[in-house]
Amino acid sequence: HSGEQFGRDSEVRLRQFKRLIDAATERGISEGWASRKG
């Protein structure tokens, strides 16, 4: 939500951000403009 606050104590959100970061990275790799080789 707009204005929602979350920080280091929001374990659920932090796990979800990890999922989001990994998913965005994989999309970039599949589309050819990103790489995580090495």
PDB file of all heavy atoms in Angstrom:
ATOM      1  N   HIS A   1       0.822  -1.200   0.000  1.00  0.00           N
ATOM      2  CA  HIS A   1       0.000   0.000   0.000  1.00  0.00           C
ATOM      3  C   HIS A   1       0.862   1.259   0.000  1.00  0.00           C
ATOM      4  O   HIS A   1       2.001   1.274   0.494  1.00  0.00           O
ATOM      5  CB  HIS A   1      -0.918   0.014   1.226  1.00  0.00           C
ATOM      6  CG  HIS A   1      -1.831  -1.163   1.302  1.00  0.00           C
ATOM      7  ND1 HIS A   1      -2.953  -1.290   0.513  1.00  0.00           N
ATOM      8  CD2 HIS A   1      -1.786  -2.284   2.066  1.00  0.00           C
ATOM      9  CE1 HIS A   1      -3.556  -2.425   0.782  1.00  0.00           C
ATOM     10  NE2 HIS A   1      -2.874  -3.050   1.724  1.00  0.00           N
ATOM     11  N   SER A   2       0.309   2.320  -0.540  1.00  0.00           N
ATOM     12  CA  SER A   2       0.978   3.616  -0.493  1.00  0.00           C
ATOM     13  C   SER A   2       1.166   4.027   0.959  1.00  0.00           C
ATOM     14  O   SER A   2       0.239   3.977   1.762  1.00  0.00           O
ATOM     15  CB  SER A   2       0.139   4.670  -1.227  1.00  0.00           C
ATOM     16  OG  SER A   2       0.747   5.929  -1.147  1.00  0.00           O
ATOM     17  N   GLY A   3       2.388   4.385   1.300  1.00  0.00           N
ATOM     18  CA  GLY A   3       2.669   4.800   2.665  1.00  0.00           C
ATOM     19  C   GLY A   3       3.026   3.675   3.603  1.00  0.00           C
ATOM     20  O   GLY A   3       3.391   3.919   4.761  1.00  0.00           O
ATOM     21  N   GLU A   4       2.926   2.406   3.128  1.00  0.00           N
ATOM     22  CA  GLU A   4       3.273   1.284   3.994  1.00  0.00           C
ATOM     23  C   GLU A   4       4.754   1.319   4.349  1.00  0.00           C
ATOM     24  O   GLU A   4       5.610   1.513   3.493  1.00  0.00           O
ATOM     25  CB  GLU A   4       2.941  -0.043   3.308  1.00  0.00           C
ATOM     26  CG  GLU A   4       3.313  -1.264   4.138  1.00  0.00           C
ATOM     27  CD  GLU A   4       3.016  -2.571   3.421  1.00  0.00           C
ATOM     28  OE1 GLU A   4       2.190  -2.543   2.481  1.00  0.00           O
ATOM     29  OE2 GLU A   4       3.605  -3.593   3.784  1.00  0.00           O
ATOM     30  N   GLN A   5       5.048   1.134   5.609  1.00  0.00           N
ATOM     31  CA  GLN A   5       6.426   1.146   6.079  1.00  0.00           C
ATOM     32  C   GLN A   5       6.887  -0.291   6.340  1.00  0.00           C
ATOM     33  O   GLN A   5       6.121  -1.126   6.793  1.00  0.00           O
ATOM     34  CB  GLN A   5       6.548   1.970   7.367  1.00  0.00           C
ATOM     35  CG  GLN A   5       6.217   3.434   7.170  1.00  0.00           C
ATOM     36  CD  GLN A   5       7.131   4.129   6.172  1.00  0.00           C
ATOM     37  OE1 GLN A   5       8.359   4.026   6.272  1.00  0.00           O
ATOM     38  NE2 GLN A   5       6.542   4.824   5.224  1.00  0.00           N
ATOM     39  N   PHE A   6       8.130  -0.562   6.030  1.00  0.00           N
ATOM     40  CA  PHE A   6       8.707  -1.865   6.335  1.00  0.00           C
ATOM     41  C   PHE A   6      10.201  -1.662   6.529  1.00  0.00           C
ATOM     42  O   PHE A   6      10.822  -0.770   5.950  1.00  0.00           O
ATOM     43  CB  PHE A   6       8.452  -2.874   5.207  1.00  0.00           C
ATOM     44  CG  PHE A   6       8.560  -2.283   3.818  1.00  0.00           C
ATOM     45  CD1 PHE A   6       9.782  -2.081   3.217  1.00  0.00           C
ATOM     46  CD2 PHE A   6       7.407  -1.905   3.144  1.00  0.00           C
ATOM     47  CE1 PHE A   6       9.871  -1.533   1.948  1.00  0.00           C
ATOM     48  CE2 PHE A   6       7.492  -1.351   1.875  1.00  0.00           C
ATOM     49  CZ  PHE A   6       8.721  -1.156   1.275  1.00  0.00           C
ATOM     50  N   GLY A   7      10.786  -2.468   7.381  1.00  0.00           N
ATOM     51  CA  GLY A   7      12.206  -2.310   7.685  1.00  0.00           C
ATOM     52  C   GLY A   7      12.842  -3.645   7.961  1.00  0.00           C
ATOM     53  O   GLY A   7      12.363  -4.690   7.540  1.00  0.00           O
ATOM     54  N   ARG A   8      13.916  -3.638   8.700  1.00  0.00           N
ATOM     55  CA  ARG A   8      14.685  -4.851   8.953  1.00  0.00           C
ATOM     56  C   ARG A   8      13.915  -5.869   9.777  1.00  0.00           C
ATOM     57  O   ARG A   8      14.243  -7.047   9.790  1.00  0.00           O
ATOM     58  CB  ARG A   8      15.992  -4.485   9.654  1.00  0.00           C
ATOM     59  CG  ARG A   8      16.935  -3.698   8.750  1.00  0.00           C
ATOM     60  CD  ARG A   8      18.073  -3.055   9.532  1.00  0.00           C
ATOM     61  NE  ARG A   8      18.967  -2.318   8.654  1.00  0.00           N
ATOM     62  CZ  ARG A   8      18.726  -1.104   8.184  1.00  0.00           C
ATOM     63  NH1 ARG A   8      17.601  -0.496   8.511  1.00  0.00           N
ATOM     64  NH2 ARG A   8      19.588  -0.503   7.394  1.00  0.00           N
ATOM     65  N   ASP A   9      12.875  -5.422  10.482  1.00  0.00           N
ATOM     66  CA  ASP A   9      12.099  -6.334  11.305  1.00  0.00           C
ATOM     67  C   ASP A   9      10.924  -6.949  10.542  1.00  0.00           C
ATOM     68  O   ASP A   9      10.193  -7.768  11.079  1.00  0.00           O
ATOM     69  CB  ASP A   9      11.577  -5.612  12.551  1.00  0.00           C
ATOM     70  CG  ASP A   9      10.687  -4.415  12.201  1.00  0.00           C
ATOM     71  OD1 ASP A   9      10.781  -3.936  11.057  1.00  0.00           O
ATOM     72  OD2 ASP A   9       9.930  -3.974  13.070  1.00  0.00           O
ATOM     73  N   SER A  10      10.746  -6.564   9.284  1.00  0.00           N
ATOM     74  CA  SER A  10       9.649  -7.110   8.484  1.00  0.00           C
ATOM     75  C   SER A  10      10.168  -8.320   7.712  1.00  0.00           C
ATOM     76  O   SER A  10      10.489  -8.238   6.524  1.00  0.00           O
ATOM     77  CB  SER A  10       9.112  -6.051   7.520  1.00  0.00           C
ATOM     78  OG  SER A  10       8.039  -6.551   6.771  1.00  0.00           O
ATOM     79  N   GLU A  11      10.245  -9.449   8.372  1.00  0.00           N
ATOM     80  CA  GLU A  11      10.863 -10.631   7.781  1.00  0.00           C
ATOM     81  C   GLU A  11      10.123 -11.120   6.547  1.00  0.00           C
ATOM     82  O   GLU A  11      10.747 -11.559   5.576  1.00  0.00           O
ATOM     83  CB  GLU A  11      10.956 -11.745   8.822  1.00  0.00           C
ATOM     84  CG  GLU A  11      11.887 -11.429   9.987  1.00  0.00           C
ATOM     85  CD  GLU A  11      12.016 -12.591  10.954  1.00  0.00           C
ATOM     86  OE1 GLU A  11      11.462 -13.669  10.640  1.00  0.00           O
ATOM     87  OE2 GLU A  11      12.652 -12.419  12.003  1.00  0.00           O
ATOM     88  N   VAL A  12       8.806 -11.056   6.579  1.00  0.00           N
ATOM     89  CA  VAL A  12       8.031 -11.523   5.429  1.00  0.00           C
ATOM     90  C   VAL A  12       8.337 -10.677   4.196  1.00  0.00           C
ATOM     91  O   VAL A  12       8.609 -11.202   3.119  1.00  0.00           O
ATOM     92  CB  VAL A  12       6.520 -11.480   5.730  1.00  0.00           C
ATOM     93  CG1 VAL A  12       5.707 -11.769   4.471  1.00  0.00           C
ATOM     94  CG2 VAL A  12       6.168 -12.488   6.820  1.00  0.00           C
ATOM     95  N   ARG A  13       8.326  -9.346   4.359  1.00  0.00           N
ATOM     96  CA  ARG A  13       8.609  -8.474   3.221  1.00  0.00           C
ATOM     97  C   ARG A  13      10.036  -8.674   2.714  1.00  0.00           C
ATOM     98  O   ARG A  13      10.276  -8.701   1.504  1.00  0.00           O
ATOM     99  CB  ARG A  13       8.398  -7.014   3.611  1.00  0.00           C
ATOM    100  CG  ARG A  13       6.935  -6.571   3.631  1.00  0.00           C
ATOM    101  CD  ARG A  13       6.284  -6.717   2.283  1.00  0.00           C
ATOM    102  NE  ARG A  13       4.946  -6.116   2.245  1.00  0.00           N
ATOM    103  CZ  ARG A  13       4.009  -6.479   1.398  1.00  0.00           C
ATOM    104  NH1 ARG A  13       4.216  -7.454   0.534  1.00  0.00           N
ATOM    105  NH2 ARG A  13       2.828  -5.884   1.406  1.00  0.00           N
ATOM    106  N   LEU A  14      10.990  -8.839   3.607  1.00  0.00           N
ATOM    107  CA  LEU A  14      12.370  -9.012   3.172  1.00  0.00           C
ATOM    108  C   LEU A  14      12.533 -10.299   2.366  1.00  0.00           C
ATOM    109  O   LEU A  14      13.269 -10.327   1.373  1.00  0.00           O
ATOM    110  CB  LEU A  14      13.305  -9.015   4.385  1.00  0.00           C
ATOM    111  CG  LEU A  14      13.412  -7.674   5.127  1.00  0.00           C
ATOM    112  CD1 LEU A  14      14.326  -7.809   6.339  1.00  0.00           C
ATOM    113  CD2 LEU A  14      13.907  -6.571   4.213  1.00  0.00           C
ATOM    114  N   ARG A  15      11.839 -11.360   2.765  1.00  0.00           N
ATOM    115  CA  ARG A  15      11.876 -12.603   1.975  1.00  0.00           C
ATOM    116  C   ARG A  15      11.230 -12.378   0.606  1.00  0.00           C
ATOM    117  O   ARG A  15      11.700 -12.898  -0.410  1.00  0.00           O
ATOM    118  CB  ARG A  15      11.147 -13.730   2.708  1.00  0.00           C
ATOM    119  CG  ARG A  15      11.887 -14.271   3.919  1.00  0.00           C
ATOM    120  CD  ARG A  15      11.321 -15.623   4.338  1.00  0.00           C
ATOM    121  NE  ARG A  15       9.919 -15.557   4.686  1.00  0.00           N
ATOM    122  CZ  ARG A  15       9.462 -15.298   5.904  1.00  0.00           C
ATOM    123  NH1 ARG A  15      10.312 -15.062   6.894  1.00  0.00           N
ATOM    124  NH2 ARG A  15       8.164 -15.265   6.143  1.00  0.00           N
ATOM    125  N   GLN A  16      10.163 -11.582   0.592  1.00  0.00           N
ATOM    126  CA  GLN A  16       9.495 -11.314  -0.673  1.00  0.00           C
ATOM    127  C   GLN A  16      10.365 -10.452  -1.586  1.00  0.00           C
ATOM    128  O   GLN A  16      10.360 -10.639  -2.807  1.00  0.00           O
ATOM    129  CB  GLN A  16       8.151 -10.650  -0.393  1.00  0.00           C
ATOM    130  CG  GLN A  16       7.162 -11.590   0.278  1.00  0.00           C
ATOM    131  CD  GLN A  16       5.891 -10.901   0.723  1.00  0.00           C
ATOM    132  OE1 GLN A  16       5.830  -9.678   0.813  1.00  0.00           O
ATOM    133  NE2 GLN A  16       4.864 -11.673   1.016  1.00  0.00           N
ATOM    134  N   PHE A  17      11.105  -9.507  -1.024  1.00  0.00           N
ATOM    135  CA  PHE A  17      12.010  -8.699  -1.834  1.00  0.00           C
ATOM    136  C   PHE A  17      13.095  -9.582  -2.456  1.00  0.00           C
ATOM    137  O   PHE A  17      13.501  -9.375  -3.607  1.00  0.00           O
ATOM    138  CB  PHE A  17      12.655  -7.602  -0.990  1.00  0.00           C
ATOM    139  CG  PHE A  17      11.678  -6.545  -0.529  1.00  0.00           C
ATOM    140  CD1 PHE A  17      11.966  -5.760   0.588  1.00  0.00           C
ATOM    141  CD2 PHE A  17      10.484  -6.326  -1.182  1.00  0.00           C
ATOM    142  CE1 PHE A  17      11.080  -4.791   1.022  1.00  0.00           C
ATOM    143  CE2 PHE A  17       9.588  -5.361  -0.751  1.00  0.00           C
ATOM    144  CZ  PHE A  17       9.895  -4.599   0.360  1.00  0.00           C
ATOM    145  N   LYS A  18      13.583 -10.553  -1.707  1.00  0.00           N
ATOM    146  CA  LYS A  18      14.580 -11.491  -2.245  1.00  0.00           C
ATOM    147  C   LYS A  18      13.994 -12.217  -3.450  1.00  0.00           C
ATOM    148  O   LYS A  18      14.661 -12.341  -4.496  1.00  0.00           O
ATOM    149  CB  LYS A  18      15.007 -12.495  -1.176  1.00  0.00           C
ATOM    150  CG  LYS A  18      16.003 -13.542  -1.668  1.00  0.00           C
ATOM    151  CD  LYS A  18      16.361 -14.509  -0.558  1.00  0.00           C
ATOM    152  CE  LYS A  18      17.389 -15.529  -1.043  1.00  0.00           C
ATOM    153  NZ  LYS A  18      16.922 -16.357  -2.166  1.00  0.00           N
ATOM    154  N   ARG A  19      12.772 -12.685  -3.306  1.00  0.00           N
ATOM    155  CA  ARG A  19      12.105 -13.354  -4.421  1.00  0.00           C
ATOM    156  C   ARG A  19      11.978 -12.425  -5.612  1.00  0.00           C
ATOM    157  O   ARG A  19      12.214 -12.820  -6.766  1.00  0.00           O
ATOM    158  CB  ARG A  19      10.721 -13.821  -3.959  1.00  0.00           C
ATOM    159  CG  ARG A  19       9.807 -14.314  -5.060  1.00  0.00           C
ATOM    160  CD  ARG A  19       8.410 -14.558  -4.509  1.00  0.00           C
ATOM    161  NE  ARG A  19       7.435 -14.760  -5.574  1.00  0.00           N
ATOM    162  CZ  ARG A  19       6.120 -14.790  -5.397  1.00  0.00           C
ATOM    163  NH1 ARG A  19       5.625 -14.620  -4.180  1.00  0.00           N
ATOM    164  NH2 ARG A  19       5.297 -14.961  -6.409  1.00  0.00           N
ATOM    165  N   LEU A  20      11.632 -11.174  -5.373  1.00  0.00           N
ATOM    166  CA  LEU A  20      11.456 -10.188  -6.436  1.00  0.00           C
ATOM    167  C   LEU A  20      12.773  -9.918  -7.153  1.00  0.00           C
ATOM    168  O   LEU A  20      12.823  -9.847  -8.385  1.00  0.00           O
ATOM    169  CB  LEU A  20      10.898  -8.902  -5.834  1.00  0.00           C
ATOM    170  CG  LEU A  20      10.555  -7.752  -6.770  1.00  0.00           C
ATOM    171  CD1 LEU A  20       9.475  -8.153  -7.762  1.00  0.00           C
ATOM    172  CD2 LEU A  20      10.107  -6.531  -5.958  1.00  0.00           C
ATOM    173  N   ILE A  21      13.849  -9.758  -6.398  1.00  0.00           N
ATOM    174  CA  ILE A  21      15.171  -9.497  -6.980  1.00  0.00           C
ATOM    175  C   ILE A  21      15.619 -10.659  -7.846  1.00  0.00           C
ATOM    176  O   ILE A  21      16.081 -10.475  -8.978  1.00  0.00           O
ATOM    177  CB  ILE A  21      16.190  -9.216  -5.860  1.00  0.00           C
ATOM    178  CG1 ILE A  21      15.884  -7.875  -5.190  1.00  0.00           C
ATOM    179  CG2 ILE A  21      17.620  -9.233  -6.391  1.00  0.00           C
ATOM    180  CD1 ILE A  21      16.541  -7.709  -3.832  1.00  0.00           C
ATOM    181  N   ASP A  22      15.482 -11.874  -7.333  1.00  0.00           N
ATOM    182  CA  ASP A  22      15.892 -13.054  -8.099  1.00  0.00           C
ATOM    183  C   ASP A  22      15.044 -13.218  -9.357  1.00  0.00           C
ATOM    184  O   ASP A  22      15.563 -13.568 -10.423  1.00  0.00           O
ATOM    185  CB  ASP A  22      15.787 -14.302  -7.220  1.00  0.00           C
ATOM    186  CG  ASP A  22      16.832 -14.340  -6.114  1.00  0.00           C
ATOM    187  OD1 ASP A  22      17.817 -13.581  -6.211  1.00  0.00           O
ATOM    188  OD2 ASP A  22      16.662 -15.115  -5.159  1.00  0.00           O
ATOM    189  N   ALA A  23      13.730 -12.951  -9.246  1.00  0.00           N
ATOM    190  CA  ALA A  23      12.852 -13.091 -10.409  1.00  0.00           C
ATOM    191  C   ALA A  23      13.184 -12.060 -11.478  1.00  0.00           C
ATOM    192  O   ALA A  23      13.201 -12.375 -12.677  1.00  0.00           O
ATOM    193  CB  ALA A  23      11.393 -12.957  -9.979  1.00  0.00           C
ATOM    194  N   ALA A  24      13.448 -10.813 -11.068  1.00  0.00           N
ATOM    195  CA  ALA A  24      13.805  -9.775 -12.039  1.00  0.00           C
ATOM    196  C   ALA A  24      15.125 -10.104 -12.718  1.00  0.00           C
ATOM    197  O   ALA A  24      15.287  -9.891 -13.928  1.00  0.00           O
ATOM    198  CB  ALA A  24      13.891  -8.419 -11.335  1.00  0.00           C
ATOM    199  N   THR A  25      16.076 -10.637 -11.960  1.00  0.00           N
ATOM    200  CA  THR A  25      17.362 -11.033 -12.535  1.00  0.00           C
ATOM    201  C   THR A  25      17.176 -12.124 -13.582  1.00  0.00           C
ATOM    202  O   THR A  25      17.753 -12.059 -14.677  1.00  0.00           O
ATOM    203  CB  THR A  25      18.308 -11.526 -11.426  1.00  0.00           C
ATOM    204  OG1 THR A  25      18.533 -10.468 -10.484  1.00  0.00           O
ATOM    205  CG2 THR A  25      19.647 -11.962 -12.006  1.00  0.00           C
ATOM    206  N   GLU A  26      16.362 -13.121 -13.246  1.00  0.00           N
ATOM    207  CA  GLU A  26      16.133 -14.224 -14.184  1.00  0.00           C
ATOM    208  C   GLU A  26      15.431 -13.740 -15.451  1.00  0.00           C
ATOM    209  O   GLU A  26      15.717 -14.226 -16.546  1.00  0.00           O
ATOM    210  CB  GLU A  26      15.318 -15.331 -13.512  1.00  0.00           C
ATOM    211  CG  GLU A  26      16.056 -16.061 -12.396  1.00  0.00           C
ATOM    212  CD  GLU A  26      17.387 -16.633 -12.862  1.00  0.00           C
ATOM    213  OE1 GLU A  26      17.424 -17.259 -13.943  1.00  0.00           O
ATOM    214  OE2 GLU A  26      18.397 -16.437 -12.154  1.00  0.00           O
ATOM    215  N   ARG A  27      14.519 -12.772 -15.302  1.00  0.00           N
ATOM    216  CA  ARG A  27      13.862 -12.201 -16.484  1.00  0.00           C
ATOM    217  C   ARG A  27      14.892 -11.526 -17.370  1.00  0.00           C
ATOM    218  O   ARG A  27      14.860 -11.653 -18.604  1.00  0.00           O
ATOM    219  CB  ARG A  27      12.787 -11.205 -16.051  1.00  0.00           C
ATOM    220  CG  ARG A  27      11.469 -11.820 -15.637  1.00  0.00           C
ATOM    221  CD  ARG A  27      10.503 -11.991 -16.811  1.00  0.00           C
ATOM    222  NE  ARG A  27      10.094 -10.688 -17.303  1.00  0.00           N
ATOM    223  CZ  ARG A  27       9.064  -9.991 -16.819  1.00  0.00           C
ATOM    224  NH1 ARG A  27       8.336 -10.480 -15.821  1.00  0.00           N
ATOM    225  NH2 ARG A  27       8.741  -8.832 -17.319  1.00  0.00           N
ATOM    226  N   GLY A  28      15.793 -10.762 -16.775  1.00  0.00           N
ATOM    227  CA  GLY A  28      16.831 -10.086 -17.550  1.00  0.00           C
ATOM    228  C   GLY A  28      17.719 -11.063 -18.287  1.00  0.00           C
ATOM    229  O   GLY A  28      18.101 -10.840 -19.446  1.00  0.00           O
ATOM    230  N   ILE A  29      18.035 -12.170 -17.628  1.00  0.00           N
ATOM    231  CA  ILE A  29      18.868 -13.194 -18.254  1.00  0.00           C
ATOM    232  C   ILE A  29      18.120 -13.827 -19.425  1.00  0.00           C
ATOM    233  O   ILE A  29      18.671 -14.003 -20.516  1.00  0.00           O
ATOM    234  CB  ILE A  29      19.270 -14.258 -17.217  1.00  0.00           C
ATOM    235  CG1 ILE A  29      20.214 -13.648 -16.178  1.00  0.00           C
ATOM    236  CG2 ILE A  29      19.932 -15.455 -17.900  1.00  0.00           C
ATOM    237  CD1 ILE A  29      20.469 -14.538 -14.988  1.00  0.00           C
ATOM    238  N   SER A  30      16.859 -14.158 -19.217  1.00  0.00           N
ATOM    239  CA  SER A  30      16.077 -14.800 -20.274  1.00  0.00           C
ATOM    240  C   SER A  30      15.861 -13.881 -21.465  1.00  0.00           C
ATOM    241  O   SER A  30      15.749 -14.348 -22.609  1.00  0.00           O
ATOM    242  CB  SER A  30      14.723 -15.259 -19.720  1.00  0.00           C
ATOM    243  OG  SER A  30      13.908 -14.151 -19.372  1.00  0.00           O
ATOM    244  N   GLU A  31      15.831 -12.554 -21.215  1.00  0.00           N
ATOM    245  CA  GLU A  31      15.622 -11.588 -22.293  1.00  0.00           C
ATOM    246  C   GLU A  31      16.933 -11.122 -22.913  1.00  0.00           C
ATOM    247  O   GLU A  31      16.930 -10.357 -23.876  1.00  0.00           O
ATOM    248  CB  GLU A  31      14.825 -10.392 -21.757  1.00  0.00           C
ATOM    249  CG  GLU A  31      13.390 -10.767 -21.367  1.00  0.00           C
ATOM    250  CD  GLU A  31      12.639  -9.633 -20.707  1.00  0.00           C
ATOM    251  OE1 GLU A  31      13.186  -8.492 -20.667  1.00  0.00           O
ATOM    252  OE2 GLU A  31      11.513  -9.858 -20.224  1.00  0.00           O
ATOM    253  N   GLY A  32      18.057 -11.544 -22.358  1.00  0.00           N
ATOM    254  CA  GLY A  32      19.352 -11.312 -22.983  1.00  0.00           C
ATOM    255  C   GLY A  32      20.077 -10.036 -22.615  1.00  0.00           C
ATOM    256  O   GLY A  32      21.136  -9.760 -23.169  1.00  0.00           O
ATOM    257  N   TRP A  33      19.545  -9.229 -21.692  1.00  0.00           N
ATOM    258  CA  TRP A  33      20.233  -7.985 -21.351  1.00  0.00           C
ATOM    259  C   TRP A  33      20.899  -8.035 -19.982  1.00  0.00           C
ATOM    260  O   TRP A  33      21.441  -7.033 -19.513  1.00  0.00           O
ATOM    261  CB  TRP A  33      19.280  -6.790 -21.420  1.00  0.00           C
ATOM    262  CG  TRP A  33      17.970  -6.949 -20.727  1.00  0.00           C
ATOM    263  CD1 TRP A  33      16.793  -7.322 -21.281  1.00  0.00           C
ATOM    264  CD2 TRP A  33      17.691  -6.725 -19.332  1.00  0.00           C
ATOM    265  NE1 TRP A  33      15.792  -7.350 -20.336  1.00  0.00           N
ATOM    266  CE2 TRP A  33      16.318  -6.979 -19.135  1.00  0.00           C
ATOM    267  CE3 TRP A  33      18.466  -6.305 -18.247  1.00  0.00           C
ATOM    268  CZ2 TRP A  33      15.703  -6.856 -17.890  1.00  0.00           C
ATOM    269  CZ3 TRP A  33      17.847  -6.180 -17.009  1.00  0.00           C
ATOM    270  CH2 TRP A  33      16.495  -6.458 -16.842  1.00  0.00           C
ATOM    271  N   ALA A  34      20.906  -9.184 -19.349  1.00  0.00           N
ATOM    272  CA  ALA A  34      21.574  -9.335 -18.064  1.00  0.00           C
ATOM    273  C   ALA A  34      22.268 -10.688 -18.008  1.00  0.00           C
ATOM    274  O   ALA A  34      21.940 -11.615 -18.743  1.00  0.00           O
ATOM    275  CB  ALA A  34      20.571  -9.216 -16.906  1.00  0.00           C
ATOM    276  N   SER A  35      23.245 -10.783 -17.127  1.00  0.00           N
ATOM    277  CA  SER A  35      23.976 -12.030 -16.936  1.00  0.00           C
ATOM    278  C   SER A  35      24.444 -12.115 -15.485  1.00  0.00           C
ATOM    279  O   SER A  35      24.749 -11.097 -14.862  1.00  0.00           O
ATOM    280  CB  SER A  35      25.181 -12.090 -17.879  1.00  0.00           C
ATOM    281  OG  SER A  35      26.014 -13.185 -17.547  1.00  0.00           O
ATOM    282  N   ARG A  36      24.468 -13.331 -14.960  1.00  0.00           N
ATOM    283  CA  ARG A  36      25.054 -13.540 -13.637  1.00  0.00           C
ATOM    284  C   ARG A  36      26.187 -14.561 -13.694  1.00  0.00           C
ATOM    285  O   ARG A  36      26.598 -15.102 -12.672  1.00  0.00           O
ATOM    286  CB  ARG A  36      23.982 -13.986 -12.649  1.00  0.00           C
ATOM    287  CG  ARG A  36      23.174 -15.179 -13.044  1.00  0.00           C
ATOM    288  CD  ARG A  36      22.224 -15.596 -11.922  1.00  0.00           C
ATOM    289  NE  ARG A  36      21.213 -16.510 -12.360  1.00  0.00           N
ATOM    290  CZ  ARG A  36      21.409 -17.812 -12.633  1.00  0.00           C
ATOM    291  NH1 ARG A  36      22.628 -18.322 -12.537  1.00  0.00           N
ATOM    292  NH2 ARG A  36      20.397 -18.578 -13.017  1.00  0.00           N
ATOM    293  N   LYS A  37      26.686 -14.823 -14.906  1.00  0.00           N
ATOM    294  CA  LYS A  37      27.766 -15.789 -15.075  1.00  0.00           C
ATOM    295  C   LYS A  37      28.995 -15.351 -14.293  1.00  0.00           C
ATOM    296  O   LYS A  37      29.513 -14.247 -14.478  1.00  0.00           O
ATOM    297  CB  LYS A  37      28.113 -15.925 -16.559  1.00  0.00           C
ATOM    298  CG  LYS A  37      29.148 -17.012 -16.837  1.00  0.00           C
ATOM    299  CD  LYS A  37      29.387 -17.163 -18.334  1.00  0.00           C
ATOM    300  CE  LYS A  37      30.396 -18.280 -18.605  1.00  0.00           C
ATOM    301  NZ  LYS A  37      30.638 -18.445 -20.063  1.00  0.00           N
ATOM    302  N   GLY A  38      29.463 -16.215 -13.433  1.00  0.00           N
ATOM    303  CA  GLY A  38      30.650 -15.902 -12.619  1.00  0.00           C
ATOM    304  C   GLY A  38      30.374 -14.963 -11.472  1.00  0.00           C
ATOM    305  O   GLY A  38      31.297 -14.591 -10.735  1.00  0.00           O
TER     306      GLY A  38
END
